[in-house]
PDB file of N, CA and C in Angstrom:
ATOM      1  N   UNK A   1      10.157 -25.573 -21.400  1.00  0.00           N
ATOM      2  CA  UNK A   1       9.207 -26.655 -21.547  1.00  0.00           C
ATOM      3  C   UNK A   1       8.076 -26.447 -20.544  1.00  0.00           C
ATOM      4  N   UNK A   2       6.895 -26.271 -21.074  1.00  0.00           N
ATOM      5  CA  UNK A   2       5.729 -26.001 -20.256  1.00  0.00           C
ATOM      6  C   UNK A   2       4.802 -27.216 -20.313  1.00  0.00           C
ATOM      7  N   UNK A   3       4.643 -27.886 -19.179  1.00  0.00           N
ATOM      8  CA  UNK A   3       3.835 -29.096 -19.149  1.00  0.00           C
ATOM      9  C   UNK A   3       2.343 -28.810 -19.034  1.00  0.00           C
ATOM     10  N   UNK A   4       1.996 -27.678 -18.452  1.00  0.00           N
ATOM     11  CA  UNK A   4       0.586 -27.340 -18.257  1.00  0.00           C
ATOM     12  C   UNK A   4       0.180 -26.341 -19.331  1.00  0.00           C
ATOM     13  N   UNK A   5      -0.873 -26.627 -20.092  1.00  0.00           N
ATOM     14  CA  UNK A   5      -1.273 -25.704 -21.159  1.00  0.00           C
ATOM     15  C   UNK A   5      -1.891 -24.419 -20.602  1.00  0.00           C
ATOM     16  N   UNK A   6      -1.865 -23.389 -21.411  1.00  0.00           N
ATOM     17  CA  UNK A   6      -2.379 -22.074 -21.036  1.00  0.00           C
ATOM     18  C   UNK A   6      -3.858 -22.138 -20.670  1.00  0.00           C
ATOM     19  N   UNK A   7      -4.612 -22.983 -21.337  1.00  0.00           N
ATOM     20  CA  UNK A   7      -6.051 -23.058 -21.103  1.00  0.00           C
ATOM     21  C   UNK A   7      -6.384 -23.464 -19.672  1.00  0.00           C
ATOM     22  N   UNK A   8      -5.564 -24.321 -19.071  1.00  0.00           N
ATOM     23  CA  UNK A   8      -5.826 -24.732 -17.691  1.00  0.00           C
ATOM     24  C   UNK A   8      -5.583 -23.582 -16.718  1.00  0.00           C
ATOM     25  N   UNK A   9      -4.541 -22.792 -16.972  1.00  0.00           N
ATOM     26  CA  UNK A   9      -4.307 -21.609 -16.138  1.00  0.00           C
ATOM     27  C   UNK A   9      -5.478 -20.632 -16.252  1.00  0.00           C
ATOM     28  N   UNK A  10      -5.945 -20.424 -17.460  1.00  0.00           N
ATOM     29  CA  UNK A  10      -7.049 -19.492 -17.665  1.00  0.00           C
ATOM     30  C   UNK A  10      -8.352 -20.025 -17.083  1.00  0.00           C
ATOM     31  N   UNK A  11      -8.553 -21.329 -17.143  1.00  0.00           N
ATOM     32  CA  UNK A  11      -9.755 -21.914 -16.538  1.00  0.00           C
ATOM     33  C   UNK A  11      -9.718 -21.760 -15.017  1.00  0.00           C
ATOM     34  N   UNK A  12      -8.564 -22.005 -14.415  1.00  0.00           N
ATOM     35  CA  UNK A  12      -8.428 -21.811 -12.972  1.00  0.00           C
ATOM     36  C   UNK A  12      -8.646 -20.352 -12.601  1.00  0.00           C
ATOM     37  N   UNK A  13      -8.103 -19.459 -13.404  1.00  0.00           N
ATOM     38  CA  UNK A  13      -8.287 -18.032 -13.159  1.00  0.00           C
ATOM     39  C   UNK A  13      -9.751 -17.634 -13.262  1.00  0.00           C
ATOM     40  N   UNK A  14     -10.458 -18.179 -14.242  1.00  0.00           N
ATOM     41  CA  UNK A  14     -11.883 -17.877 -14.397  1.00  0.00           C
ATOM     42  C   UNK A  14     -12.695 -18.423 -13.230  1.00  0.00           C
ATOM     43  N   UNK A  15     -12.347 -19.606 -12.758  1.00  0.00           N
ATOM     44  CA  UNK A  15     -13.049 -20.190 -11.608  1.00  0.00           C
ATOM     45  C   UNK A  15     -12.824 -19.345 -10.363  1.00  0.00           C
ATOM     46  N   UNK A  16     -11.574 -18.933 -10.134  1.00  0.00           N
ATOM     47  CA  UNK A  16     -11.282 -18.083  -8.978  1.00  0.00           C
ATOM     48  C   UNK A  16     -12.006 -16.746  -9.075  1.00  0.00           C
ATOM     49  N   UNK A  17     -12.046 -16.183 -10.266  1.00  0.00           N
ATOM     50  CA  UNK A  17     -12.735 -14.903 -10.441  1.00  0.00           C
ATOM     51  C   UNK A  17     -14.234 -15.061 -10.194  1.00  0.00           C
ATOM     52  N   UNK A  18     -14.814 -16.160 -10.660  1.00  0.00           N
ATOM     53  CA  UNK A  18     -16.242 -16.403 -10.434  1.00  0.00           C
ATOM     54  C   UNK A  18     -16.541 -16.596  -8.953  1.00  0.00           C
ATOM     55  N   UNK A  19     -15.661 -17.289  -8.234  1.00  0.00           N
ATOM     56  CA  UNK A  19     -15.837 -17.445  -6.790  1.00  0.00           C
ATOM     57  C   UNK A  19     -15.786 -16.081  -6.102  1.00  0.00           C
ATOM     58  N   UNK A  20     -14.867 -15.234  -6.540  1.00  0.00           N
ATOM     59  CA  UNK A  20     -14.777 -13.892  -5.970  1.00  0.00           C
ATOM     60  C   UNK A  20     -16.018 -13.066  -6.246  1.00  0.00           C
ATOM     61  N   UNK A  21     -16.529 -13.136  -7.454  1.00  0.00           N
ATOM     62  CA  UNK A  21     -17.743 -12.382  -7.801  1.00  0.00           C
ATOM     63  C   UNK A  21     -18.929 -12.884  -6.984  1.00  0.00           C
ATOM     64  N   UNK A  22     -19.056 -14.202  -6.855  1.00  0.00           N
ATOM     65  CA  UNK A  22     -20.142 -14.749  -6.039  1.00  0.00           C
ATOM     66  C   UNK A  22     -20.011 -14.326  -4.581  1.00  0.00           C
ATOM     67  N   UNK A  23     -18.797 -14.282  -4.079  1.00  0.00           N
ATOM     68  CA  UNK A  23     -18.587 -13.831  -2.709  1.00  0.00           C
ATOM     69  C   UNK A  23     -19.002 -12.384  -2.507  1.00  0.00           C
ATOM     70  N   UNK A  24     -18.734 -11.532  -3.496  1.00  0.00           N
ATOM     71  CA  UNK A  24     -19.131 -10.122  -3.389  1.00  0.00           C
ATOM     72  C   UNK A  24     -20.643  -9.987  -3.489  1.00  0.00           C
ATOM     73  N   UNK A  25     -21.261 -10.756  -4.365  1.00  0.00           N
ATOM     74  CA  UNK A  25     -22.704 -10.623  -4.581  1.00  0.00           C
ATOM     75  C   UNK A  25     -23.513 -11.248  -3.448  1.00  0.00           C
ATOM     76  N   UNK A  26     -23.126 -12.425  -2.991  1.00  0.00           N
ATOM     77  CA  UNK A  26     -23.946 -13.180  -2.046  1.00  0.00           C
ATOM     78  C   UNK A  26     -23.716 -12.757  -0.596  1.00  0.00           C
ATOM     79  N   UNK A  27     -22.478 -12.574  -0.195  1.00  0.00           N
ATOM     80  CA  UNK A  27     -22.166 -12.332   1.210  1.00  0.00           C
ATOM     81  C   UNK A  27     -22.460 -10.904   1.621  1.00  0.00           C
ATOM     82  N   UNK A  28     -22.778 -10.717   2.893  1.00  0.00           N
ATOM     83  CA  UNK A  28     -23.058  -9.391   3.446  1.00  0.00           C
ATOM     84  C   UNK A  28     -22.017  -8.977   4.472  1.00  0.00           C
ATOM     85  N   UNK A  29     -21.108  -9.860   4.819  1.00  0.00           N
ATOM     86  CA  UNK A  29     -20.053  -9.546   5.770  1.00  0.00           C
ATOM     87  C   UNK A  29     -18.957  -8.772   5.037  1.00  0.00           C
ATOM     88  N   UNK A  30     -18.577  -7.616   5.587  1.00  0.00           N
ATOM     89  CA  UNK A  30     -17.612  -6.758   4.904  1.00  0.00           C
ATOM     90  C   UNK A  30     -16.251  -7.431   4.750  1.00  0.00           C
ATOM     91  N   UNK A  31     -15.854  -8.227   5.716  1.00  0.00           N
ATOM     92  CA  UNK A  31     -14.553  -8.897   5.627  1.00  0.00           C
ATOM     93  C   UNK A  31     -14.571  -9.968   4.538  1.00  0.00           C
ATOM     94  N   UNK A  32     -15.666 -10.704   4.421  1.00  0.00           N
ATOM     95  CA  UNK A  32     -15.791 -11.722   3.366  1.00  0.00           C
ATOM     96  C   UNK A  32     -15.806 -11.054   1.991  1.00  0.00           C
ATOM     97  N   UNK A  33     -16.501  -9.939   1.874  1.00  0.00           N
ATOM     98  CA  UNK A  33     -16.511  -9.192   0.607  1.00  0.00           C
ATOM     99  C   UNK A  33     -15.104  -8.728   0.262  1.00  0.00           C
ATOM    100  N   UNK A  34     -14.398  -8.250   1.269  1.00  0.00           N
ATOM    101  CA  UNK A  34     -13.025  -7.791   1.094  1.00  0.00           C
ATOM    102  C   UNK A  34     -12.117  -8.931   0.624  1.00  0.00           C
ATOM    103  N   UNK A  35     -12.266 -10.110   1.226  1.00  0.00           N
ATOM    104  CA  UNK A  35     -11.470 -11.262   0.809  1.00  0.00           C
ATOM    105  C   UNK A  35     -11.847 -11.714  -0.595  1.00  0.00           C
ATOM    106  N   UNK A  36     -13.108 -11.589  -0.963  1.00  0.00           N
ATOM    107  CA  UNK A  36     -13.538 -11.959  -2.313  1.00  0.00           C
ATOM    108  C   UNK A  36     -12.912 -11.052  -3.366  1.00  0.00           C
ATOM    109  N   UNK A  37     -12.795  -9.775  -3.048  1.00  0.00           N
ATOM    110  CA  UNK A  37     -12.122  -8.848  -3.964  1.00  0.00           C
ATOM    111  C   UNK A  37     -10.656  -9.222  -4.113  1.00  0.00           C
ATOM    112  N   UNK A  38     -10.026  -9.638  -3.037  1.00  0.00           N
ATOM    113  CA  UNK A  38      -8.632 -10.073  -3.114  1.00  0.00           C
ATOM    114  C   UNK A  38      -8.494 -11.339  -3.967  1.00  0.00           C
ATOM    115  N   UNK A  39      -9.453 -12.246  -3.877  1.00  0.00           N
ATOM    116  CA  UNK A  39      -9.434 -13.454  -4.722  1.00  0.00           C
ATOM    117  C   UNK A  39      -9.532 -13.060  -6.191  1.00  0.00           C
ATOM    118  N   UNK A  40     -10.382 -12.071  -6.495  1.00  0.00           N
ATOM    119  CA  UNK A  40     -10.511 -11.630  -7.889  1.00  0.00           C
ATOM    120  C   UNK A  40      -9.208 -11.007  -8.380  1.00  0.00           C
ATOM    121  N   UNK A  41      -8.549 -10.209  -7.538  1.00  0.00           N
ATOM    122  CA  UNK A  41      -7.260  -9.629  -7.936  1.00  0.00           C
ATOM    123  C   UNK A  41      -6.213 -10.711  -8.167  1.00  0.00           C
ATOM    124  N   UNK A  42      -6.196 -11.728  -7.329  1.00  0.00           N
ATOM    125  CA  UNK A  42      -5.233 -12.811  -7.509  1.00  0.00           C
ATOM    126  C   UNK A  42      -5.526 -13.641  -8.751  1.00  0.00           C
ATOM    127  N   UNK A  43      -6.791 -13.772  -9.122  1.00  0.00           N
ATOM    128  CA  UNK A  43      -7.098 -14.504 -10.352  1.00  0.00           C
ATOM    129  C   UNK A  43      -6.604 -13.735 -11.574  1.00  0.00           C
ATOM    130  N   UNK A  44      -6.713 -12.424 -11.523  1.00  0.00           N
ATOM    131  CA  UNK A  44      -6.183 -11.610 -12.617  1.00  0.00           C
ATOM    132  C   UNK A  44      -4.657 -11.716 -12.661  1.00  0.00           C
ATOM    133  N   UNK A  45      -4.024 -11.744 -11.497  1.00  0.00           N
ATOM    134  CA  UNK A  45      -2.570 -11.921 -11.457  1.00  0.00           C
ATOM    135  C   UNK A  45      -2.154 -13.252 -12.067  1.00  0.00           C
ATOM    136  N   UNK A  46      -2.927 -14.294 -11.800  1.00  0.00           N
ATOM    137  CA  UNK A  46      -2.633 -15.598 -12.395  1.00  0.00           C
ATOM    138  C   UNK A  46      -2.712 -15.536 -13.915  1.00  0.00           C
ATOM    139  N   UNK A  47      -3.694 -14.825 -14.433  1.00  0.00           N
ATOM    140  CA  UNK A  47      -3.813 -14.671 -15.888  1.00  0.00           C
ATOM    141  C   UNK A  47      -2.626 -13.907 -16.462  1.00  0.00           C
ATOM    142  N   UNK A  48      -2.230 -12.832 -15.768  1.00  0.00           N
ATOM    143  CA  UNK A  48      -1.072 -12.069 -16.242  1.00  0.00           C
ATOM    144  C   UNK A  48       0.178 -12.933 -16.308  1.00  0.00           C
ATOM    145  N   UNK A  49       0.420 -13.710 -15.265  1.00  0.00           N
ATOM    146  CA  UNK A  49       1.620 -14.551 -15.238  1.00  0.00           C
ATOM    147  C   UNK A  49       1.528 -15.653 -16.288  1.00  0.00           C
ATOM    148  N   UNK A  50       0.351 -16.232 -16.478  1.00  0.00           N
ATOM    149  CA  UNK A  50       0.196 -17.296 -17.475  1.00  0.00           C
ATOM    150  C   UNK A  50       0.450 -16.758 -18.881  1.00  0.00           C
ATOM    151  N   UNK A  51      -0.149 -15.613 -19.210  1.00  0.00           N
ATOM    152  CA  UNK A  51       0.095 -15.039 -20.531  1.00  0.00           C
ATOM    153  C   UNK A  51       1.544 -14.600 -20.693  1.00  0.00           C
ATOM    154  N   UNK A  52       2.127 -14.089 -19.631  1.00  0.00           N
ATOM    155  CA  UNK A  52       3.521 -13.666 -19.692  1.00  0.00           C
ATOM    156  C   UNK A  52       4.441 -14.843 -19.994  1.00  0.00           C
ATOM    157  N   UNK A  53       4.185 -15.948 -19.339  1.00  0.00           N
ATOM    158  CA  UNK A  53       5.010 -17.134 -19.587  1.00  0.00           C
ATOM    159  C   UNK A  53       4.744 -17.717 -20.970  1.00  0.00           C
ATOM    160  N   UNK A  54       3.482 -17.702 -21.389  1.00  0.00           N
ATOM    161  CA  UNK A  54       3.118 -18.246 -22.697  1.00  0.00           C
ATOM    162  C   UNK A  54       3.772 -17.453 -23.825  1.00  0.00           C
ATOM    163  N   UNK A  55       3.837 -16.135 -23.668  1.00  0.00           N
ATOM    164  CA  UNK A  55       4.408 -15.281 -24.710  1.00  0.00           C
ATOM    165  C   UNK A  55       5.895 -15.000 -24.506  1.00  0.00           C
ATOM    166  N   UNK A  56       6.471 -15.541 -23.442  1.00  0.00           N
ATOM    167  CA  UNK A  56       7.886 -15.328 -23.109  1.00  0.00           C
ATOM    168  C   UNK A  56       8.232 -13.845 -23.028  1.00  0.00           C
ATOM    169  N   UNK A  57       7.343 -13.096 -22.385  1.00  0.00           N
ATOM    170  CA  UNK A  57       7.525 -11.657 -22.210  1.00  0.00           C
ATOM    171  C   UNK A  57       7.340 -11.344 -20.731  1.00  0.00           C
ATOM    172  N   UNK A  58       8.328 -10.743 -20.078  1.00  0.00           N
ATOM    173  CA  UNK A  58       8.222 -10.493 -18.636  1.00  0.00           C
ATOM    174  C   UNK A  58       7.305  -9.318 -18.257  1.00  0.00           C
ATOM    175  N   UNK A  59       6.685  -8.678 -19.231  1.00  0.00           N
ATOM    176  CA  UNK A  59       5.840  -7.519 -18.943  1.00  0.00           C
ATOM    177  C   UNK A  59       4.674  -7.880 -18.021  1.00  0.00           C
ATOM    178  N   UNK A  60       4.050  -9.005 -18.248  1.00  0.00           N
ATOM    179  CA  UNK A  60       2.931  -9.430 -17.405  1.00  0.00           C
ATOM    180  C   UNK A  60       3.364  -9.689 -15.976  1.00  0.00           C
ATOM    181  N   UNK A  61       4.534 -10.269 -15.798  1.00  0.00           N
ATOM    182  CA  UNK A  61       5.032 -10.536 -14.461  1.00  0.00           C
ATOM    183  C   UNK A  61       5.402  -9.246 -13.739  1.00  0.00           C
ATOM    184  N   UNK A  62       5.897  -8.283 -14.470  1.00  0.00           N
ATOM    185  CA  UNK A  62       6.198  -6.983 -13.876  1.00  0.00           C
ATOM    186  C   UNK A  62       4.911  -6.275 -13.483  1.00  0.00           C
ATOM    187  N   UNK A  63       3.887  -6.396 -14.320  1.00  0.00           N
ATOM    188  CA  UNK A  63       2.611  -5.754 -14.021  1.00  0.00           C
ATOM    189  C   UNK A  63       1.965  -6.345 -12.776  1.00  0.00           C
ATOM    190  N   UNK A  64       2.233  -7.626 -12.510  1.00  0.00           N
ATOM    191  CA  UNK A  64       1.699  -8.274 -11.309  1.00  0.00           C
ATOM    192  C   UNK A  64       2.210  -7.570 -10.055  1.00  0.00           C
ATOM    193  N   UNK A  65       3.447  -7.114 -10.069  1.00  0.00           N
ATOM    194  CA  UNK A  65       3.975  -6.404  -8.901  1.00  0.00           C
ATOM    195  C   UNK A  65       3.215  -5.108  -8.645  1.00  0.00           C
ATOM    196  N   UNK A  66       2.814  -4.423  -9.695  1.00  0.00           N
ATOM    197  CA  UNK A  66       2.018  -3.209  -9.524  1.00  0.00           C
ATOM    198  C   UNK A  66       0.628  -3.537  -8.975  1.00  0.00           C
ATOM    199  N   UNK A  67       0.027  -4.612  -9.467  1.00  0.00           N
ATOM    200  CA  UNK A  67      -1.287  -5.022  -8.959  1.00  0.00           C
ATOM    201  C   UNK A  67      -1.173  -5.421  -7.493  1.00  0.00           C
ATOM    202  N   UNK A  68      -0.093  -6.094  -7.124  1.00  0.00           N
ATOM    203  CA  UNK A  68       0.104  -6.478  -5.732  1.00  0.00           C
ATOM    204  C   UNK A  68       0.295  -5.260  -4.834  1.00  0.00           C
ATOM    205  N   UNK A  69       0.968  -4.236  -5.336  1.00  0.00           N
ATOM    206  CA  UNK A  69       1.141  -3.008  -4.559  1.00  0.00           C
ATOM    207  C   UNK A  69      -0.193  -2.311  -4.345  1.00  0.00           C
ATOM    208  N   UNK A  70      -1.017  -2.271  -5.377  1.00  0.00           N
ATOM    209  CA  UNK A  70      -2.354  -1.678  -5.237  1.00  0.00           C
ATOM    210  C   UNK A  70      -3.195  -2.505  -4.273  1.00  0.00           C
ATOM    211  N   UNK A  71      -3.081  -3.830  -4.331  1.00  0.00           N
ATOM    212  CA  UNK A  71      -3.839  -4.695  -3.419  1.00  0.00           C
ATOM    213  C   UNK A  71      -3.392  -4.496  -1.980  1.00  0.00           C
ATOM    214  N   UNK A  72      -2.102  -4.280  -1.769  1.00  0.00           N
ATOM    215  CA  UNK A  72      -1.623  -4.037  -0.406  1.00  0.00           C
ATOM    216  C   UNK A  72      -2.153  -2.710   0.127  1.00  0.00           C
ATOM    217  N   UNK A  73      -2.169  -1.692  -0.712  1.00  0.00           N
ATOM    218  CA  UNK A  73      -2.725  -0.405  -0.293  1.00  0.00           C
ATOM    219  C   UNK A  73      -4.219  -0.528  -0.031  1.00  0.00           C
ATOM    220  N   UNK A  74      -4.902  -1.273  -0.876  1.00  0.00           N
ATOM    221  CA  UNK A  74      -6.333  -1.501  -0.683  1.00  0.00           C
ATOM    222  C   UNK A  74      -6.584  -2.259   0.610  1.00  0.00           C
ATOM    223  N   UNK A  75      -5.726  -3.189   0.949  1.00  0.00           N
ATOM    224  CA  UNK A  75      -5.879  -3.935   2.194  1.00  0.00           C
ATOM    225  C   UNK A  75      -5.779  -3.013   3.399  1.00  0.00           C
ATOM    226  N   UNK A  76      -4.784  -2.164   3.410  1.00  0.00           N
ATOM    227  CA  UNK A  76      -4.597  -1.261   4.544  1.00  0.00           C
ATOM    228  C   UNK A  76      -5.771  -0.297   4.687  1.00  0.00           C
ATOM    229  N   UNK A  77      -6.175   0.304   3.596  1.00  0.00           N
ATOM    230  CA  UNK A  77      -7.277   1.269   3.647  1.00  0.00           C
ATOM    231  C   UNK A  77      -8.598   0.567   3.911  1.00  0.00           C
ATOM    232  N   UNK A  78      -8.829  -0.578   3.282  1.00  0.00           N
ATOM    233  CA  UNK A  78     -10.075  -1.311   3.477  1.00  0.00           C
ATOM    234  C   UNK A  78     -10.244  -1.797   4.905  1.00  0.00           C
ATOM    235  N   UNK A  79      -9.179  -2.328   5.490  1.00  0.00           N
ATOM    236  CA  UNK A  79      -9.286  -2.779   6.877  1.00  0.00           C
ATOM    237  C   UNK A  79      -9.485  -1.604   7.830  1.00  0.00           C
ATOM    238  N   UNK A  80      -8.884  -0.458   7.534  1.00  0.00           N
ATOM    239  CA  UNK A  80      -9.112   0.731   8.362  1.00  0.00           C
ATOM    240  C   UNK A  80     -10.559   1.190   8.275  1.00  0.00           C
ATOM    241  N   UNK A  81     -11.137   1.140   7.093  1.00  0.00           N
ATOM    242  CA  UNK A  81     -12.550   1.508   6.926  1.00  0.00           C
ATOM    243  C   UNK A  81     -13.452   0.530   7.671  1.00  0.00           C
ATOM    244  N   UNK A  82     -13.155  -0.767   7.575  1.00  0.00           N
ATOM    245  CA  UNK A  82     -13.955  -1.766   8.280  1.00  0.00           C
ATOM    246  C   UNK A  82     -13.842  -1.572   9.784  1.00  0.00           C
ATOM    247  N   UNK A  83     -12.655  -1.277  10.273  1.00  0.00           N
ATOM    248  CA  UNK A  83     -12.466  -1.039  11.699  1.00  0.00           C
ATOM    249  C   UNK A  83     -13.233   0.198  12.162  1.00  0.00           C
ATOM    250  N   UNK A  84     -13.180   1.275  11.389  1.00  0.00           N
ATOM    251  CA  UNK A  84     -13.928   2.484  11.727  1.00  0.00           C
ATOM    252  C   UNK A  84     -15.432   2.222  11.684  1.00  0.00           C
ATOM    253  N   UNK A  85     -15.865   1.449  10.723  1.00  0.00           N
ATOM    254  CA  UNK A  85     -17.280   1.087  10.619  1.00  0.00           C
ATOM    255  C   UNK A  85     -17.734   0.277  11.826  1.00  0.00           C
ATOM    256  N   UNK A  86     -16.904  -0.658  12.250  1.00  0.00           N
ATOM    257  CA  UNK A  86     -17.259  -1.472  13.410  1.00  0.00           C
ATOM    258  C   UNK A  86     -17.305  -0.639  14.683  1.00  0.00           C
ATOM    259  N   UNK A  87     -16.373   0.289  14.817  1.00  0.00           N
ATOM    260  CA  UNK A  87     -16.370   1.150  16.004  1.00  0.00           C
ATOM    261  C   UNK A  87     -17.605   2.040  16.065  1.00  0.00           C
ATOM    262  N   UNK A  88     -18.085   2.481  14.913  1.00  0.00           N
ATOM    263  CA  UNK A  88     -19.236   3.384  14.888  1.00  0.00           C
ATOM    264  C   UNK A  88     -20.559   2.643  15.014  1.00  0.00           C
ATOM    265  N   UNK A  89     -20.719   1.547  14.316  1.00  0.00           N
ATOM    266  CA  UNK A  89     -22.012   0.851  14.241  1.00  0.00           C
ATOM    267  C   UNK A  89     -22.044  -0.492  14.963  1.00  0.00           C
ATOM    268  N   UNK A  90     -20.925  -1.000  15.449  1.00  0.00           N
ATOM    269  CA  UNK A  90     -20.833  -2.282  16.139  1.00  0.00           C
ATOM    270  C   UNK A  90     -21.283  -3.458  15.270  1.00  0.00           C
ATOM    271  N   UNK A  91     -21.124  -3.335  13.968  1.00  0.00           N
ATOM    272  CA  UNK A  91     -21.433  -4.434  13.052  1.00  0.00           C
ATOM    273  C   UNK A  91     -20.560  -4.304  11.807  1.00  0.00           C
ATOM    274  N   UNK A  92     -20.327  -5.444  11.158  1.00  0.00           N
ATOM    275  CA  UNK A  92     -19.578  -5.422   9.900  1.00  0.00           C
ATOM    276  C   UNK A  92     -20.424  -5.928   8.744  1.00  0.00           C
ATOM    277  N   UNK A  93     -21.726  -6.086   8.977  1.00  0.00           N
ATOM    278  CA  UNK A  93     -22.627  -6.510   7.913  1.00  0.00           C
ATOM    279  C   UNK A  93     -23.064  -5.289   7.114  1.00  0.00           C
ATOM    280  N   UNK A  94     -22.822  -5.322   5.814  1.00  0.00           N
ATOM    281  CA  UNK A  94     -23.037  -4.139   4.996  1.00  0.00           C
ATOM    282  C   UNK A  94     -24.507  -3.796   4.813  1.00  0.00           C
ATOM    283  N   UNK A  95     -25.411  -4.753   4.960  1.00  0.00           N
ATOM    284  CA  UNK A  95     -26.823  -4.420   4.805  1.00  0.00           C
ATOM    285  C   UNK A  95     -27.404  -3.760   6.055  1.00  0.00           C
ATOM    286  N   UNK A  96     -26.709  -3.857   7.186  1.00  0.00           N
ATOM    287  CA  UNK A  96     -27.167  -3.195   8.412  1.00  0.00           C
ATOM    288  C   UNK A  96     -26.581  -1.800   8.583  1.00  0.00           C
ATOM    289  N   UNK A  97     -25.632  -1.443   7.750  1.00  0.00           N
ATOM    290  CA  UNK A  97     -24.946  -0.157   7.878  1.00  0.00           C
ATOM    291  C   UNK A  97     -25.500   0.799   6.824  1.00  0.00           C
ATOM    292  N   UNK A  98     -25.955   1.927   7.297  1.00  0.00           N
ATOM    293  CA  UNK A  98     -26.435   2.958   6.409  1.00  0.00           C
ATOM    294  C   UNK A  98     -26.013   4.313   6.975  1.00  0.00           C
ATOM    295  N   UNK A  99     -24.785   4.696   6.739  1.00  0.00           N
ATOM    296  CA  UNK A  99     -24.211   5.890   7.348  1.00  0.00           C
ATOM    297  C   UNK A  99     -24.762   7.181   6.755  1.00  0.00           C
ATOM    298  N   UNK A 100     -25.338   7.148   5.578  1.00  0.00           N
ATOM    299  CA  UNK A 100     -25.827   8.380   4.952  1.00  0.00           C
ATOM    300  C   UNK A 100     -27.137   8.848   5.569  1.00  0.00           C
ATOM    301  N   UNK A 101     -27.823   8.006   6.296  1.00  0.00           N
ATOM    302  CA  UNK A 101     -29.082   8.405   6.913  1.00  0.00           C
ATOM    303  C   UNK A 101     -28.873   9.148   8.228  1.00  0.00           C
ATOM    304  N   UNK A 102     -27.698   9.009   8.835  1.00  0.00           N
ATOM    305  CA  UNK A 102     -27.442   9.659  10.128  1.00  0.00           C
ATOM    306  C   UNK A 102     -27.223  11.146   9.995  1.00  0.00           C
TER     307      UNK A 102
END
């Protein structure tokens, strides 16, 4: 028995994805951009779980674990890149960093 309809899950997922896209487009702080990408990944995970439950098929829920593993790897590598960037340029604002000109 599902009390919340699929459309509400998808609407929430779309709102979260739009917030993530706006964060990537508007913000210049690398950490905020990084968090916005994570919000977009989580909105996709919400869609996978909602469709999985709606169709009574565990495939979507299993796929979420793979997306979470990729997000964890992206977190480790992304934070290492941000840390290296800060050590080299003393800033985390992406519009102030231009490493190809050096």
